[in-house]
């Protein structure tokens, strides 16, 4: 039995090998349809258990930024319908899920003080989706559960026994929807993908640095959850600056093609 299980896992690893947008080898065992179903179920669960912001102006502002970022995603993601929800939650968080779901906490809007800084975060979170980081996490969880126990129930969100594991694998806390840490490699990858996306959408990529400076200041004495579960702001700022010239070229090209975001709160 042990040999059979090892053979199945080895085969799954070989079949599930993919390459991320930055060229990193990853294991993604689940289909897009399966991941979309997980994202849909998790988002529905969060909307049921968390307060949703009803301020039309705030919602229009966030959706305006999200729409501009979505418009420059790879075709398979740009053409799908995305649902954007603003949650009444003081933590400076946001998240995106497979299947076309974006959640933004009202607390983020106090730290990300303009459209470009909000676009930094949304680009980062959508970057997790297009890089299939959730698939990687769920796949890793499945492989750790010998015999694919988690994989066998991954789509059955009604199975309370595994609800927490699935939500965590998607990068969500089952009770409050607080973003849990992806690996540092995932976070760094999402930063670079997000920087490219925001620049292609016409947002100012230099504001990505300002955003993380704001996050660092907000962390004085009481580190926000969003920052505490991610790489240190100083490290990610350096990586963003190292890639800034490329991003600025992307933004100039976007502006020349008429992309000039005008999202205001």
Protein backbone atom coordinates (compact mmCIF):
# COMPACT_ATOMS: atom_id res chain seq x y z
CA UNK A 1 0.00 0.00 0.00
CA UNK A 2 2.82 2.40 0.86
CA UNK A 3 4.47 1.73 -2.50
CA UNK A 4 1.16 2.32 -4.28
CA UNK A 5 0.60 5.62 -2.49
CA UNK A 6 4.13 6.79 -3.25
CA UNK A 7 3.68 5.83 -6.91
CA UNK A 8 0.42 7.78 -7.09
CA UNK A 9 1.98 10.82 -5.46
CA UNK A 10 5.04 10.67 -7.70
CA UNK A 11 2.82 10.46 -10.79
CA UNK A 12 0.74 13.38 -9.55
CA UNK A 13 3.85 15.50 -9.04
CA UNK A 14 5.10 14.77 -12.56
CA UNK A 15 1.73 15.48 -14.16
CA UNK A 16 1.19 18.61 -12.07
CA UNK A 17 4.49 20.34 -12.80
CA UNK A 18 4.05 23.82 -14.25
CA UNK A 19 6.05 27.00 -14.66
CA UNK A 20 4.99 30.22 -12.98
CA UNK A 21 4.95 33.60 -14.83
CA UNK A 22 8.43 34.32 -13.47
CA UNK A 23 9.83 30.95 -14.55
CA UNK A 24 9.66 29.18 -11.21
CA UNK A 25 8.80 25.46 -11.24
CA UNK A 26 5.62 24.73 -9.33
CA UNK A 27 3.24 21.86 -8.61
CA UNK A 28 -0.41 22.51 -9.48
CA UNK A 29 -2.49 19.36 -9.33
CA UNK A 30 -5.95 20.86 -9.67
CA UNK A 31 -7.81 22.00 -12.78
CA UNK A 32 -8.94 25.59 -13.27
CA UNK A 33 -12.53 24.44 -12.82
CA UNK A 34 -11.74 22.85 -9.45
CA UNK A 35 -9.87 25.92 -8.23
CA UNK A 36 -12.67 28.20 -9.42
CA UNK A 37 -15.18 26.13 -7.47
CA UNK A 38 -13.07 26.39 -4.34
CA UNK A 39 -12.76 30.15 -4.80
CA UNK A 40 -16.50 30.53 -5.34
CA UNK A 41 -17.38 28.50 -2.25
CA UNK A 42 -14.87 30.34 -0.08
CA UNK A 43 -16.02 33.78 -1.26
CA UNK A 44 -19.68 32.90 -0.65
CA UNK A 45 -18.74 31.76 2.84
CA UNK A 46 -16.97 35.04 3.55
CA UNK A 47 -19.86 37.17 2.29
CA UNK A 48 -22.16 35.25 4.59
CA UNK A 49 -19.98 35.70 7.66
CA UNK A 50 -18.45 39.16 7.22
CA UNK A 51 -20.00 42.62 7.15
CA UNK A 52 -20.07 44.14 3.66
CA UNK A 53 -19.53 47.86 3.07
CA UNK A 54 -22.53 49.55 1.44
CA UNK A 55 -21.00 52.96 0.71
CA UNK A 56 -21.60 53.48 -3.03
CA UNK A 57 -18.69 55.90 -3.40
CA UNK A 58 -16.20 53.58 -1.73
CA UNK A 59 -17.39 50.60 -3.76
CA UNK A 60 -17.25 52.54 -7.03
CA UNK A 61 -13.69 53.68 -6.23
CA UNK A 62 -12.42 50.17 -5.50
CA UNK A 63 -14.22 48.68 -8.50
CA UNK A 64 -12.79 51.39 -10.79
CA UNK A 65 -9.25 50.42 -9.77
CA UNK A 66 -9.97 46.71 -9.95
CA UNK A 67 -11.50 47.03 -13.43
CA UNK A 68 -8.40 48.80 -14.75
CA UNK A 69 -6.11 46.09 -13.36
CA UNK A 70 -8.36 43.28 -14.61
CA UNK A 71 -8.37 44.76 -18.12
CA UNK A 72 -4.63 44.06 -18.53
CA UNK A 73 -4.66 40.49 -17.20
CA UNK A 74 -3.88 37.57 -19.51
CA UNK A 75 -6.91 36.90 -21.73
CA UNK A 76 -8.29 33.92 -19.82
CA UNK A 77 -8.53 36.06 -16.68
CA UNK A 78 -9.44 39.37 -18.30
CA UNK A 79 -12.46 37.94 -20.09
CA UNK A 80 -14.00 36.25 -17.06
CA UNK A 81 -16.49 38.03 -14.81
CA UNK A 82 -14.98 39.35 -11.58
CA UNK A 83 -16.89 40.10 -8.40
CA UNK A 84 -15.43 42.85 -6.22
CA UNK A 85 -16.62 43.24 -2.62
CA UNK A 86 -15.53 45.73 0.03
CA UNK A 87 -15.68 44.24 3.52
CA UNK A 88 -16.15 46.30 6.70
CA UNK A 89 -12.93 45.22 8.36
CA UNK A 90 -10.27 47.49 9.93
CA UNK A 91 -7.23 45.42 8.95
CA UNK A 92 -5.20 46.66 5.97
CA UNK A 93 -5.93 43.63 3.81
CA UNK A 94 -7.16 42.57 0.39
CA UNK A 95 -7.30 39.24 -1.41
CA UNK A 96 -8.18 37.64 -4.73
CA UNK A 97 -9.48 34.13 -5.33
CA UNK A 98 -9.57 31.78 -8.31
CA UNK A 99 -12.81 32.11 -10.24
CA UNK A 100 -12.83 35.90 -10.35
CA UNK A 101 -13.26 37.20 -6.80
CA UNK A 102 -11.64 40.21 -5.13
CA UNK A 103 -12.15 41.30 -1.55
CA UNK A 104 -10.91 44.58 -0.10
CA UNK A 105 -10.99 45.54 3.59
CA UNK A 106 -11.95 49.11 4.43
CA UNK A 107 -8.83 49.30 6.59
CA UNK A 108 -6.67 49.09 3.48
CA UNK A 109 -8.03 52.42 2.22
CA UNK A 110 -6.57 54.17 5.25
CA UNK A 111 -3.06 52.96 4.42
CA UNK A 112 -3.25 52.90 0.60
CA UNK A 113 -4.03 56.59 0.24
CA UNK A 114 -4.50 56.90 -3.54
CA UNK A 115 -5.56 54.89 -6.58
CA UNK A 116 -2.00 53.88 -7.41
CA UNK A 117 -1.35 52.45 -3.96
CA UNK A 118 -4.62 50.51 -3.98
CA UNK A 119 -3.68 49.23 -7.45
CA UNK A 120 -0.37 48.04 -5.98
CA UNK A 121 -2.23 45.79 -3.55
CA UNK A 122 -4.85 44.60 -6.04
CA UNK A 123 -2.18 43.86 -8.63
CA UNK A 124 -0.30 41.86 -6.01
CA UNK A 125 -3.38 39.88 -4.98
CA UNK A 126 -4.49 39.15 -8.54
CA UNK A 127 -0.88 38.19 -9.19
CA UNK A 128 -1.36 35.32 -6.73
CA UNK A 129 -4.29 34.11 -8.84
CA UNK A 130 -2.65 34.23 -12.26
CA UNK A 131 0.50 32.61 -10.83
CA UNK A 132 -1.72 29.81 -9.45
CA UNK A 133 -0.35 30.16 -5.94
CA UNK A 134 -3.60 28.87 -4.42
CA UNK A 135 -3.35 25.78 -6.61
CA UNK A 136 0.17 25.27 -5.34
CA UNK A 137 -0.91 25.57 -1.72
CA UNK A 138 -3.85 23.20 -2.12
CA UNK A 139 -1.63 20.78 -4.05
CA UNK A 140 1.06 20.88 -1.38
CA UNK A 141 -1.56 20.27 1.29
CA UNK A 142 -2.88 17.33 -0.69
CA UNK A 143 0.57 15.83 -1.07
CA UNK A 144 1.19 16.21 2.64
CA UNK A 145 -2.06 14.43 3.34
CA UNK A 146 -0.92 10.95 2.32
CA UNK A 147 -3.30 9.38 -0.11
CA UNK A 148 -4.72 12.77 -1.20
CA UNK A 149 -7.21 12.91 1.67
CA UNK A 150 -7.64 16.67 1.33
CA UNK A 151 -7.79 16.42 -2.45
CA UNK A 152 -10.64 13.94 -2.23
CA UNK A 153 -12.84 16.41 -0.36
CA UNK A 154 -11.47 19.70 -1.63
CA UNK A 155 -14.65 20.61 -3.49
CA UNK A 156 -17.02 19.52 -0.74
CA UNK A 157 -17.14 22.73 1.29
CA UNK A 158 -20.00 21.23 3.29
CA UNK A 159 -17.55 18.83 4.89
CA UNK A 160 -16.79 20.80 8.05
CA UNK A 161 -13.83 18.60 8.89
CA UNK A 162 -11.81 20.03 5.98
CA UNK A 163 -13.30 23.53 5.66
CA UNK A 164 -10.46 25.16 7.59
CA UNK A 165 -7.74 23.40 5.62
CA UNK A 166 -9.27 24.41 2.28
CA UNK A 167 -9.74 28.04 3.31
CA UNK A 168 -6.16 28.19 4.59
CA UNK A 169 -4.80 26.61 1.43
CA UNK A 170 -6.54 29.33 -0.56
CA UNK A 171 -4.82 31.91 1.59
CA UNK A 172 -7.82 32.75 3.77
CA UNK A 173 -8.69 32.44 7.43
CA UNK A 174 -11.89 30.44 7.77
CA UNK A 175 -13.44 32.66 10.43
CA UNK A 176 -12.53 36.22 9.55
CA UNK A 177 -11.12 36.07 6.05
CA UNK A 178 -7.77 37.49 7.12
CA UNK A 179 -5.07 36.80 4.57
CA UNK A 180 -2.73 34.07 5.71
CA UNK A 181 0.87 33.98 4.60
CA UNK A 182 1.78 32.52 1.30
CA UNK A 183 5.43 31.48 1.12
CA UNK A 184 7.98 34.25 0.76
CA UNK A 185 8.68 33.11 -2.81
CA UNK A 186 4.97 33.50 -3.60
CA UNK A 187 4.85 36.95 -2.07
CA UNK A 188 7.93 38.16 -3.93
CA UNK A 189 6.56 36.73 -7.16
CA UNK A 190 3.18 38.41 -6.63
CA UNK A 191 4.94 41.72 -5.95
CA UNK A 192 6.69 41.64 -9.31
CA UNK A 193 3.61 40.48 -11.20
CA UNK A 194 1.54 43.15 -9.48
CA UNK A 195 4.09 45.84 -10.32
CA UNK A 196 3.88 44.89 -13.99
CA UNK A 197 0.07 44.77 -13.96
CA UNK A 198 -0.41 48.16 -12.33
CA UNK A 199 2.08 49.74 -14.73
CA UNK A 200 0.39 48.17 -17.77
CA UNK A 201 -2.91 49.56 -16.49
CA UNK A 202 -1.40 53.05 -16.39
CA UNK A 203 -0.97 53.41 -12.64
CA UNK A 204 2.21 54.97 -11.24
CA UNK A 205 4.49 52.05 -10.25
CA UNK A 206 6.57 54.33 -8.02
CA UNK A 207 3.61 54.46 -5.67
CA UNK A 208 4.22 50.78 -4.89
CA UNK A 209 7.24 51.90 -2.90
CA UNK A 210 5.20 54.60 -1.15
CA UNK A 211 2.56 52.00 -0.27
CA UNK A 212 5.05 49.78 1.52
CA UNK A 213 6.55 52.77 3.27
CA UNK A 214 3.04 53.53 4.55
CA UNK A 215 2.65 49.90 5.61
CA UNK A 216 5.93 50.10 7.50
CA UNK A 217 4.87 53.28 9.33
CA UNK A 218 1.50 51.77 10.18
CA UNK A 219 3.32 48.88 11.77
CA UNK A 220 5.02 50.97 14.46
CA UNK A 221 4.20 49.25 17.74
CA UNK A 222 1.28 47.30 16.27
CA UNK A 223 2.16 45.44 13.08
CA UNK A 224 -0.85 45.13 10.74
CA UNK A 225 -1.80 41.57 9.80
CA UNK A 226 -1.16 42.26 6.13
CA UNK A 227 2.44 43.24 6.86
CA UNK A 228 3.18 40.67 9.54
CA UNK A 229 2.39 37.73 7.26
CA UNK A 230 4.49 39.02 4.36
CA UNK A 231 8.17 39.73 3.73
CA UNK A 232 9.61 42.78 5.50
CA UNK A 233 8.68 46.04 3.74
CA UNK A 234 12.35 47.01 3.36
CA UNK A 235 13.12 43.85 1.41
CA UNK A 236 10.15 44.10 -0.89
CA UNK A 237 10.78 47.81 -1.49
CA UNK A 238 14.31 47.00 -2.67
CA UNK A 239 13.01 44.36 -5.09
CA UNK A 240 10.39 46.75 -6.41
CA UNK A 241 13.02 49.45 -6.92
CA UNK A 242 15.27 46.96 -8.72
CA UNK A 243 12.46 46.41 -11.25
CA UNK A 244 11.19 50.00 -11.37
CA UNK A 245 12.80 51.04 -14.66
CA UNK A 246 11.00 48.23 -16.50
CA UNK A 247 7.72 49.14 -14.81
CA UNK A 248 8.09 52.82 -15.69
CA UNK A 249 8.61 51.88 -19.33
CA UNK A 250 5.42 49.81 -19.15
CA UNK A 251 3.53 52.76 -17.69
CA UNK A 252 4.80 55.15 -20.36
CA UNK A 253 3.70 52.72 -23.04
CA UNK A 254 0.29 52.34 -21.37
CA UNK A 255 -0.15 56.11 -21.16
CA UNK A 256 0.77 56.48 -24.82
CA UNK A 257 -2.02 54.00 -25.58
CA UNK A 258 -4.59 56.03 -23.66
CA UNK A 259 -4.50 54.24 -20.30
CA UNK A 260 -4.76 56.99 -17.71
CA UNK A 261 -6.68 55.79 -14.61
CA UNK A 262 -8.96 58.36 -13.01
CA UNK A 263 -10.35 56.56 -9.96
CA UNK A 264 -11.24 58.96 -7.16
CA UNK A 265 -12.73 58.56 -3.71
